[in-house]
């Protein structure tokens, strides 16, 4: 789990490859999604959750003056059952 703090007016670039299977929740303030074409997306308030994968979001922006925080949850890399079986027999 990772927490991102965005000061007022700050922008955080989202690199799709780094946020595979990431789910985000606004925990303080408001965050505006910046879309792939650079256009403004929705402004999300506290407790709003959203997926980063496959949404076309290229950045998170804080439209306010106070710091906003976003908690991002990703799956921890685990060995799949097939890999475990392969390791046991190979």
C-alpha atoms as a PDB file:
ATOM      1  CA  UNK A   1       0.000   0.000   0.000  1.00  0.00           C
ATOM      2  CA  UNK A   2       1.253   3.457  -0.854  1.00  0.00           C
ATOM      3  CA  UNK A   3       0.029   6.912   0.132  1.00  0.00           C
ATOM      4  CA  UNK A   4       0.498   9.876  -2.181  1.00  0.00           C
ATOM      5  CA  UNK A   5       0.240  13.410  -0.779  1.00  0.00           C
ATOM      6  CA  UNK A   6      -0.638  16.111  -3.297  1.00  0.00           C
ATOM      7  CA  UNK A   7      -0.128  19.698  -2.183  1.00  0.00           C
ATOM      8  CA  UNK A   8      -2.571  22.291  -3.471  1.00  0.00           C
ATOM      9  CA  UNK A   9      -2.334  22.514  -7.266  1.00  0.00           C
ATOM     10  CA  UNK A  10       0.099  19.573  -7.481  1.00  0.00           C
ATOM     11  CA  UNK A  11       0.034  16.947 -10.232  1.00  0.00           C
ATOM     12  CA  UNK A  12       1.129  13.301  -9.990  1.00  0.00           C
ATOM     13  CA  UNK A  13       1.814  11.453 -13.267  1.00  0.00           C
ATOM     14  CA  UNK A  14       0.346   7.958 -13.542  1.00  0.00           C
ATOM     15  CA  UNK A  15       2.476   5.491 -15.522  1.00  0.00           C
ATOM     16  CA  UNK A  16       0.159   2.648 -16.533  1.00  0.00           C
ATOM     17  CA  UNK A  17       2.857  -0.041 -16.374  1.00  0.00           C
ATOM     18  CA  UNK A  18       3.672   0.869 -12.763  1.00  0.00           C
ATOM     19  CA  UNK A  19       0.041   0.834 -11.600  1.00  0.00           C
ATOM     20  CA  UNK A  20      -1.151  -2.505 -13.004  1.00  0.00           C
ATOM     21  CA  UNK A  21      -4.082  -3.703 -10.847  1.00  0.00           C
ATOM     22  CA  UNK A  22      -3.942  -0.573  -8.672  1.00  0.00           C
ATOM     23  CA  UNK A  23      -7.034   0.636  -6.829  1.00  0.00           C
ATOM     24  CA  UNK A  24      -6.967   4.111  -5.303  1.00  0.00           C
ATOM     25  CA  UNK A  25      -9.027   5.791  -2.579  1.00  0.00           C
ATOM     26  CA  UNK A  26      -9.071   9.525  -1.849  1.00  0.00           C
ATOM     27  CA  UNK A  27      -8.458   9.745   1.898  1.00  0.00           C
ATOM     28  CA  UNK A  28      -8.279  13.537   2.288  1.00  0.00           C
ATOM     29  CA  UNK A  29      -9.292  16.490   0.136  1.00  0.00           C
ATOM     30  CA  UNK A  30     -10.309  16.293  -3.504  1.00  0.00           C
ATOM     31  CA  UNK A  31      -8.486  14.845  -6.503  1.00  0.00           C
ATOM     32  CA  UNK A  32      -9.187  15.485 -10.168  1.00  0.00           C
ATOM     33  CA  UNK A  33      -8.379  12.810 -12.720  1.00  0.00           C
ATOM     34  CA  UNK A  34      -6.513  14.024 -15.808  1.00  0.00           C
ATOM     35  CA  UNK A  35      -7.479  11.960 -18.835  1.00  0.00           C
ATOM     36  CA  UNK A  36      -5.187  10.509 -21.494  1.00  0.00           C
ATOM     37  CA  UNK A  37      -6.000  13.317 -23.952  1.00  0.00           C
ATOM     38  CA  UNK A  38      -5.052  15.916 -21.324  1.00  0.00           C
ATOM     39  CA  UNK A  39      -8.636  16.882 -20.661  1.00  0.00           C
ATOM     40  CA  UNK A  40     -10.041  17.226 -17.168  1.00  0.00           C
ATOM     41  CA  UNK A  41     -11.822  14.243 -15.698  1.00  0.00           C
ATOM     42  CA  UNK A  42     -14.085  14.022 -12.682  1.00  0.00           C
ATOM     43  CA  UNK A  43     -13.212  15.558  -9.329  1.00  0.00           C
ATOM     44  CA  UNK A  44     -13.390  12.924  -6.608  1.00  0.00           C
ATOM     45  CA  UNK A  45     -13.850  13.641  -2.922  1.00  0.00           C
ATOM     46  CA  UNK A  46     -12.972  11.810   0.257  1.00  0.00           C
ATOM     47  CA  UNK A  47     -13.715   8.066   0.301  1.00  0.00           C
ATOM     48  CA  UNK A  48     -14.106   7.910  -3.499  1.00  0.00           C
ATOM     49  CA  UNK A  49     -12.448   4.811  -4.933  1.00  0.00           C
ATOM     50  CA  UNK A  50     -11.266   4.261  -8.492  1.00  0.00           C
ATOM     51  CA  UNK A  51      -9.195   1.866 -10.604  1.00  0.00           C
ATOM     52  CA  UNK A  52      -6.109   3.177 -12.369  1.00  0.00           C
ATOM     53  CA  UNK A  53      -5.803   0.288 -14.816  1.00  0.00           C
ATOM     54  CA  UNK A  54      -7.539   0.644 -18.145  1.00  0.00           C
ATOM     55  CA  UNK A  55      -9.168   3.976 -17.297  1.00  0.00           C
ATOM     56  CA  UNK A  56      -7.103   6.313 -19.454  1.00  0.00           C
ATOM     57  CA  UNK A  57      -6.039   8.340 -16.415  1.00  0.00           C
ATOM     58  CA  UNK A  58      -2.626   9.881 -17.010  1.00  0.00           C
ATOM     59  CA  UNK A  59      -2.346  12.039 -13.880  1.00  0.00           C
ATOM     60  CA  UNK A  60      -3.920  12.931 -10.558  1.00  0.00           C
ATOM     61  CA  UNK A  61      -4.333  16.628  -9.734  1.00  0.00           C
ATOM     62  CA  UNK A  62      -5.235  18.439  -6.567  1.00  0.00           C
ATOM     63  CA  UNK A  63      -7.642  21.232  -7.584  1.00  0.00           C
ATOM     64  CA  UNK A  64      -7.754  22.675  -4.077  1.00  0.00           C
ATOM     65  CA  UNK A  65      -5.388  24.625  -1.857  1.00  0.00           C
ATOM     66  CA  UNK A  66      -5.033  22.089   0.944  1.00  0.00           C
ATOM     67  CA  UNK A  67      -3.078  18.858   0.715  1.00  0.00           C
ATOM     68  CA  UNK A  68      -5.023  15.886  -0.623  1.00  0.00           C
ATOM     69  CA  UNK A  69      -4.018  12.278  -0.015  1.00  0.00           C
ATOM     70  CA  UNK A  70      -4.668   9.165  -2.054  1.00  0.00           C
ATOM     71  CA  UNK A  71      -4.040   5.645  -0.798  1.00  0.00           C
ATOM     72  CA  UNK A  72      -3.129   3.183  -3.530  1.00  0.00           C
ATOM     73  CA  UNK A  73      -3.486  -0.551  -3.051  1.00  0.00           C
ATOM     74  CA  UNK A  74      -1.839  -3.058  -5.373  1.00  0.00           C
ATOM     75  CA  UNK A  75      -1.562  -6.799  -5.279  1.00  0.00           C
ATOM     76  CA  UNK A  76       1.636  -8.078  -3.795  1.00  0.00           C
ATOM     77  CA  UNK A  77       3.571 -10.200  -6.251  1.00  0.00           C
ATOM     78  CA  UNK A  78       2.918 -13.784  -5.279  1.00  0.00           C
ATOM     79  CA  UNK A  79       3.940 -17.039  -6.820  1.00  0.00           C
ATOM     80  CA  UNK A  80       1.072 -18.635  -8.676  1.00  0.00           C
ATOM     81  CA  UNK A  81       0.083 -22.232  -7.797  1.00  0.00           C
ATOM     82  CA  UNK A  82       1.449 -23.415 -11.173  1.00  0.00           C
ATOM     83  CA  UNK A  83       4.847 -21.877 -10.438  1.00  0.00           C
ATOM     84  CA  UNK A  84       4.878 -23.451  -6.976  1.00  0.00           C
ATOM     85  CA  UNK A  85       4.170 -26.886  -8.450  1.00  0.00           C
ATOM     86  CA  UNK A  86       6.836 -26.386 -11.099  1.00  0.00           C
ATOM     87  CA  UNK A  87       9.398 -25.434  -8.440  1.00  0.00           C
ATOM     88  CA  UNK A  88       8.559 -28.492  -6.338  1.00  0.00           C
ATOM     89  CA  UNK A  89       9.018 -30.909  -9.233  1.00  0.00           C
ATOM     90  CA  UNK A  90      11.723 -29.271 -11.214  1.00  0.00           C
END
